[in-house]
Amino acid sequence: MSRRRCGAEHAARHAPPPLTARHPAAGIPQSTADVAVVPALVALADLALTLWQLATH
């Protein structure tokens, strides 16, 4: 058997799995999970900024 492969076959073997399969909340559609994550990140950034301001003033 030849070691050379068709380009499409090679790409299919090395393609990453679908994004929803890798997502921690795989049961939730990707867009819904992202909508839940963004406010949490904003709140975390706000908390970090508040703590930074308290520490430096």
PDB file of N, CA and C in Angstrom:
ATOM      1  N   MET A   1       0.852  -1.186   0.000  1.00  0.00           N
ATOM      2  CA  MET A   1       0.000   0.000   0.000  1.00  0.00           C
ATOM      3  C   MET A   1       0.893   1.242   0.000  1.00  0.00           C
ATOM      4  N   SER A   2       0.542   2.199  -0.790  1.00  0.00           N
ATOM      5  CA  SER A   2       1.339   3.416  -0.897  1.00  0.00           C
ATOM      6  C   SER A   2       1.159   4.265   0.357  1.00  0.00           C
ATOM      7  N   ARG A   3       2.229   4.945   0.732  1.00  0.00           N
ATOM      8  CA  ARG A   3       2.160   5.810   1.907  1.00  0.00           C
ATOM      9  C   ARG A   3       1.576   7.173   1.561  1.00  0.00           C
ATOM     10  N   ARG A   4       1.464   7.492   0.272  1.00  0.00           N
ATOM     11  CA  ARG A   4       0.900   8.784  -0.118  1.00  0.00           C
ATOM     12  C   ARG A   4      -0.623   8.711  -0.043  1.00  0.00           C
ATOM     13  N   ARG A   5      -1.218   9.759   0.420  1.00  0.00           N
ATOM     14  CA  ARG A   5      -2.677   9.786   0.569  1.00  0.00           C
ATOM     15  C   ARG A   5      -3.263  10.936  -0.247  1.00  0.00           C
ATOM     16  N   CYS A   6      -4.505  10.778  -0.575  1.00  0.00           N
ATOM     17  CA  CYS A   6      -5.245  11.851  -1.236  1.00  0.00           C
ATOM     18  C   CYS A   6      -5.317  13.036  -0.270  1.00  0.00           C
ATOM     19  N   GLY A   7      -5.226  14.241  -0.761  1.00  0.00           N
ATOM     20  CA  GLY A   7      -5.271  15.422   0.095  1.00  0.00           C
ATOM     21  C   GLY A   7      -6.537  15.508   0.924  1.00  0.00           C
ATOM     22  N   ALA A   8      -7.681  15.203   0.336  1.00  0.00           N
ATOM     23  CA  ALA A   8      -8.942  15.278   1.064  1.00  0.00           C
ATOM     24  C   ALA A   8      -8.993  14.233   2.175  1.00  0.00           C
ATOM     25  N   GLU A   9      -8.498  13.051   1.890  1.00  0.00           N
ATOM     26  CA  GLU A   9      -8.502  12.000   2.907  1.00  0.00           C
ATOM     27  C   GLU A   9      -7.581  12.393   4.064  1.00  0.00           C
ATOM     28  N   HIS A  10      -6.422  12.938   3.727  1.00  0.00           N
ATOM     29  CA  HIS A  10      -5.480  13.362   4.752  1.00  0.00           C
ATOM     30  C   HIS A  10      -6.091  14.469   5.620  1.00  0.00           C
ATOM     31  N   ALA A  11      -6.727  15.438   4.986  1.00  0.00           N
ATOM     32  CA  ALA A  11      -7.343  16.536   5.726  1.00  0.00           C
ATOM     33  C   ALA A  11      -8.463  16.021   6.626  1.00  0.00           C
ATOM     34  N   ALA A  12      -9.224  15.061   6.140  1.00  0.00           N
ATOM     35  CA  ALA A  12     -10.322  14.516   6.940  1.00  0.00           C
ATOM     36  C   ALA A  12      -9.790  13.788   8.169  1.00  0.00           C
ATOM     37  N   ARG A  13      -8.666  13.115   8.022  1.00  0.00           N
ATOM     38  CA  ARG A  13      -8.093  12.394   9.164  1.00  0.00           C
ATOM     39  C   ARG A  13      -7.603  13.353  10.232  1.00  0.00           C
ATOM     40  N   HIS A  14      -7.121  14.519   9.834  1.00  0.00           N
ATOM     41  CA  HIS A  14      -6.524  15.458  10.783  1.00  0.00           C
ATOM     42  C   HIS A  14      -7.440  16.612  11.142  1.00  0.00           C
ATOM     43  N   ALA A  15      -8.662  16.600  10.665  1.00  0.00           N
ATOM     44  CA  ALA A  15      -9.587  17.688  10.978  1.00  0.00           C
ATOM     45  C   ALA A  15     -10.002  17.588  12.445  1.00  0.00           C
ATOM     46  N   PRO A  16     -10.123  18.724  13.133  1.00  0.00           N
ATOM     47  CA  PRO A  16     -10.578  18.683  14.524  1.00  0.00           C
ATOM     48  C   PRO A  16     -12.042  18.270  14.591  1.00  0.00           C
ATOM     49  N   PRO A  17     -12.480  17.726  15.707  1.00  0.00           N
ATOM     50  CA  PRO A  17     -13.891  17.377  15.845  1.00  0.00           C
ATOM     51  C   PRO A  17     -14.748  18.646  15.821  1.00  0.00           C
ATOM     52  N   PRO A  18     -16.038  18.521  15.593  1.00  0.00           N
ATOM     53  CA  PRO A  18     -16.902  19.703  15.590  1.00  0.00           C
ATOM     54  C   PRO A  18     -16.790  20.462  16.914  1.00  0.00           C
ATOM     55  N   LEU A  19     -16.944  21.767  16.864  1.00  0.00           N
ATOM     56  CA  LEU A  19     -16.742  22.613  18.026  1.00  0.00           C
ATOM     57  C   LEU A  19     -17.665  22.226  19.183  1.00  0.00           C
ATOM     58  N   THR A  20     -18.907  21.893  18.885  1.00  0.00           N
ATOM     59  CA  THR A  20     -19.844  21.573  19.957  1.00  0.00           C
ATOM     60  C   THR A  20     -19.427  20.307  20.689  1.00  0.00           C
ATOM     61  N   ALA A  21     -18.723  19.393  20.029  1.00  0.00           N
ATOM     62  CA  ALA A  21     -18.292  18.167  20.695  1.00  0.00           C
ATOM     63  C   ALA A  21     -17.189  18.455  21.704  1.00  0.00           C
ATOM     64  N   ARG A  22     -16.376  19.484  21.464  1.00  0.00           N
ATOM     65  CA  ARG A  22     -15.283  19.814  22.368  1.00  0.00           C
ATOM     66  C   ARG A  22     -15.718  20.752  23.482  1.00  0.00           C
ATOM     67  N   HIS A  23     -16.876  21.381  23.341  1.00  0.00           N
ATOM     68  CA  HIS A  23     -17.305  22.382  24.309  1.00  0.00           C
ATOM     69  C   HIS A  23     -17.641  21.708  25.640  1.00  0.00           C
ATOM     70  N   PRO A  24     -17.262  22.328  26.773  1.00  0.00           N
ATOM     71  CA  PRO A  24     -17.563  21.716  28.071  1.00  0.00           C
ATOM     72  C   PRO A  24     -19.054  21.464  28.272  1.00  0.00           C
ATOM     73  N   ALA A  25     -19.882  22.374  27.784  1.00  0.00           N
ATOM     74  CA  ALA A  25     -21.329  22.188  27.878  1.00  0.00           C
ATOM     75  C   ALA A  25     -21.828  21.662  26.540  1.00  0.00           C
ATOM     76  N   ALA A  26     -21.465  20.419  26.224  1.00  0.00           N
ATOM     77  CA  ALA A  26     -21.734  19.892  24.890  1.00  0.00           C
ATOM     78  C   ALA A  26     -23.228  19.758  24.616  1.00  0.00           C
ATOM     79  N   GLY A  27     -24.037  19.622  25.668  1.00  0.00           N
ATOM     80  CA  GLY A  27     -25.476  19.502  25.468  1.00  0.00           C
ATOM     81  C   GLY A  27     -26.130  20.822  25.101  1.00  0.00           C
ATOM     82  N   ILE A  28     -25.449  21.923  25.391  1.00  0.00           N
ATOM     83  CA  ILE A  28     -26.002  23.248  25.111  1.00  0.00           C
ATOM     84  C   ILE A  28     -25.489  23.707  23.751  1.00  0.00           C
ATOM     85  N   PRO A  29     -26.339  24.279  22.919  1.00  0.00           N
ATOM     86  CA  PRO A  29     -25.849  24.802  21.641  1.00  0.00           C
ATOM     87  C   PRO A  29     -24.736  25.822  21.868  1.00  0.00           C
ATOM     88  N   GLN A  30     -23.807  25.887  20.943  1.00  0.00           N
ATOM     89  CA  GLN A  30     -22.610  26.722  21.098  1.00  0.00           C
ATOM     90  C   GLN A  30     -22.966  28.175  21.396  1.00  0.00           C
ATOM     91  N   SER A  31     -23.912  28.747  20.664  1.00  0.00           N
ATOM     92  CA  SER A  31     -24.216  30.160  20.854  1.00  0.00           C
ATOM     93  C   SER A  31     -24.790  30.413  22.243  1.00  0.00           C
ATOM     94  N   THR A  32     -25.602  29.497  22.766  1.00  0.00           N
ATOM     95  CA  THR A  32     -26.176  29.674  24.099  1.00  0.00           C
ATOM     96  C   THR A  32     -25.084  29.616  25.155  1.00  0.00           C
ATOM     97  N   ALA A  33     -24.144  28.714  25.000  1.00  0.00           N
ATOM     98  CA  ALA A  33     -23.044  28.609  25.962  1.00  0.00           C
ATOM     99  C   ALA A  33     -22.201  29.874  25.933  1.00  0.00           C
ATOM    100  N   ASP A  34     -21.946  30.435  24.752  1.00  0.00           N
ATOM    101  CA  ASP A  34     -21.168  31.662  24.649  1.00  0.00           C
ATOM    102  C   ASP A  34     -21.899  32.825  25.316  1.00  0.00           C
ATOM    103  N   VAL A  35     -23.210  32.885  25.147  1.00  0.00           N
ATOM    104  CA  VAL A  35     -23.993  33.959  25.762  1.00  0.00           C
ATOM    105  C   VAL A  35     -23.912  33.860  27.277  1.00  0.00           C
ATOM    106  N   ALA A  36     -23.801  32.666  27.821  1.00  0.00           N
ATOM    107  CA  ALA A  36     -23.692  32.504  29.267  1.00  0.00           C
ATOM    108  C   ALA A  36     -22.289  32.840  29.769  1.00  0.00           C
ATOM    109  N   VAL A  37     -21.276  32.652  28.943  1.00  0.00           N
ATOM    110  CA  VAL A  37     -19.891  32.861  29.373  1.00  0.00           C
ATOM    111  C   VAL A  37     -19.517  34.341  29.368  1.00  0.00           C
ATOM    112  N   VAL A  38     -19.991  35.095  28.408  1.00  0.00           N
ATOM    113  CA  VAL A  38     -19.572  36.494  28.274  1.00  0.00           C
ATOM    114  C   VAL A  38     -19.912  37.335  29.507  1.00  0.00           C
ATOM    115  N   PRO A  39     -21.132  37.283  30.049  1.00  0.00           N
ATOM    116  CA  PRO A  39     -21.399  38.085  31.248  1.00  0.00           C
ATOM    117  C   PRO A  39     -20.528  37.672  32.442  1.00  0.00           C
ATOM    118  N   ALA A  40     -20.215  36.388  32.541  1.00  0.00           N
ATOM    119  CA  ALA A  40     -19.348  35.931  33.631  1.00  0.00           C
ATOM    120  C   ALA A  40     -17.945  36.528  33.486  1.00  0.00           C
ATOM    121  N   LEU A  41     -17.434  36.588  32.268  1.00  0.00           N
ATOM    122  CA  LEU A  41     -16.123  37.188  32.045  1.00  0.00           C
ATOM    123  C   LEU A  41     -16.142  38.681  32.337  1.00  0.00           C
ATOM    124  N   VAL A  42     -17.209  39.356  31.966  1.00  0.00           N
ATOM    125  CA  VAL A  42     -17.328  40.794  32.237  1.00  0.00           C
ATOM    126  C   VAL A  42     -17.367  41.033  33.745  1.00  0.00           C
ATOM    127  N   ALA A  43     -18.114  40.198  34.473  1.00  0.00           N
ATOM    128  CA  ALA A  43     -18.190  40.346  35.926  1.00  0.00           C
ATOM    129  C   ALA A  43     -16.828  40.093  36.572  1.00  0.00           C
ATOM    130  N   LEU A  44     -16.113  39.104  36.071  1.00  0.00           N
ATOM    131  CA  LEU A  44     -14.783  38.802  36.597  1.00  0.00           C
ATOM    132  C   LEU A  44     -13.822  39.971  36.345  1.00  0.00           C
ATOM    133  N   ALA A  45     -13.888  40.554  35.152  1.00  0.00           N
ATOM    134  CA  ALA A  45     -13.034  41.697  34.844  1.00  0.00           C
ATOM    135  C   ALA A  45     -13.396  42.893  35.728  1.00  0.00           C
ATOM    136  N   ASP A  46     -14.672  43.096  35.980  1.00  0.00           N
ATOM    137  CA  ASP A  46     -15.107  44.196  36.838  1.00  0.00           C
ATOM    138  C   ASP A  46     -14.604  43.995  38.266  1.00  0.00           C
ATOM    139  N   LEU A  47     -14.684  42.764  38.757  1.00  0.00           N
ATOM    140  CA  LEU A  47     -14.177  42.464  40.092  1.00  0.00           C
ATOM    141  C   LEU A  47     -12.673  42.703  40.176  1.00  0.00           C
ATOM    142  N   ALA A  48     -11.946  42.267  39.152  1.00  0.00           N
ATOM    143  CA  ALA A  48     -10.492  42.470  39.145  1.00  0.00           C
ATOM    144  C   ALA A  48     -10.162  43.954  39.138  1.00  0.00           C
ATOM    145  N   LEU A  49     -10.896  44.740  38.363  1.00  0.00           N
ATOM    146  CA  LEU A  49     -10.651  46.185  38.318  1.00  0.00           C
ATOM    147  C   LEU A  49     -10.951  46.822  39.669  1.00  0.00           C
ATOM    148  N   THR A  50     -12.025  46.414  40.306  1.00  0.00           N
ATOM    149  CA  THR A  50     -12.378  46.955  41.619  1.00  0.00           C
ATOM    150  C   THR A  50     -11.300  46.631  42.646  1.00  0.00           C
ATOM    151  N   LEU A  51     -10.838  45.391  42.648  1.00  0.00           N
ATOM    152  CA  LEU A  51      -9.787  45.005  43.597  1.00  0.00           C
ATOM    153  C   LEU A  51      -8.492  45.777  43.320  1.00  0.00           C
ATOM    154  N   TRP A  52      -8.187  45.972  42.040  1.00  0.00           N
ATOM    155  CA  TRP A  52      -6.979  46.728  41.679  1.00  0.00           C
ATOM    156  C   TRP A  52      -7.087  48.166  42.181  1.00  0.00           C
ATOM    157  N   GLN A  53      -8.262  48.778  42.015  1.00  0.00           N
ATOM    158  CA  GLN A  53      -8.445  50.152  42.469  1.00  0.00           C
ATOM    159  C   GLN A  53      -8.351  50.251  43.988  1.00  0.00           C
ATOM    160  N   LEU A  54      -8.903  49.278  44.697  1.00  0.00           N
ATOM    161  CA  LEU A  54      -8.817  49.286  46.149  1.00  0.00           C
ATOM    162  C   LEU A  54      -7.373  49.104  46.619  1.00  0.00           C
ATOM    163  N   ALA A  55      -6.624  48.282  45.905  1.00  0.00           N
ATOM    164  CA  ALA A  55      -5.250  47.996  46.315  1.00  0.00           C
ATOM    165  C   ALA A  55      -4.306  49.164  46.028  1.00  0.00           C
ATOM    166  N   THR A  56      -4.610  49.958  45.025  1.00  0.00           N
ATOM    167  CA  THR A  56      -3.669  51.016  44.620  1.00  0.00           C
ATOM    168  C   THR A  56      -4.058  52.393  45.139  1.00  0.00           C
ATOM    169  N   HIS A  57      -5.192  52.494  45.834  1.00  0.00           N
ATOM    170  CA  HIS A  57      -5.580  53.813  46.365  1.00  0.00           C
ATOM    171  C   HIS A  57      -5.556  53.819  47.868  1.00  0.00           C
TER     172      HIS A  57
END
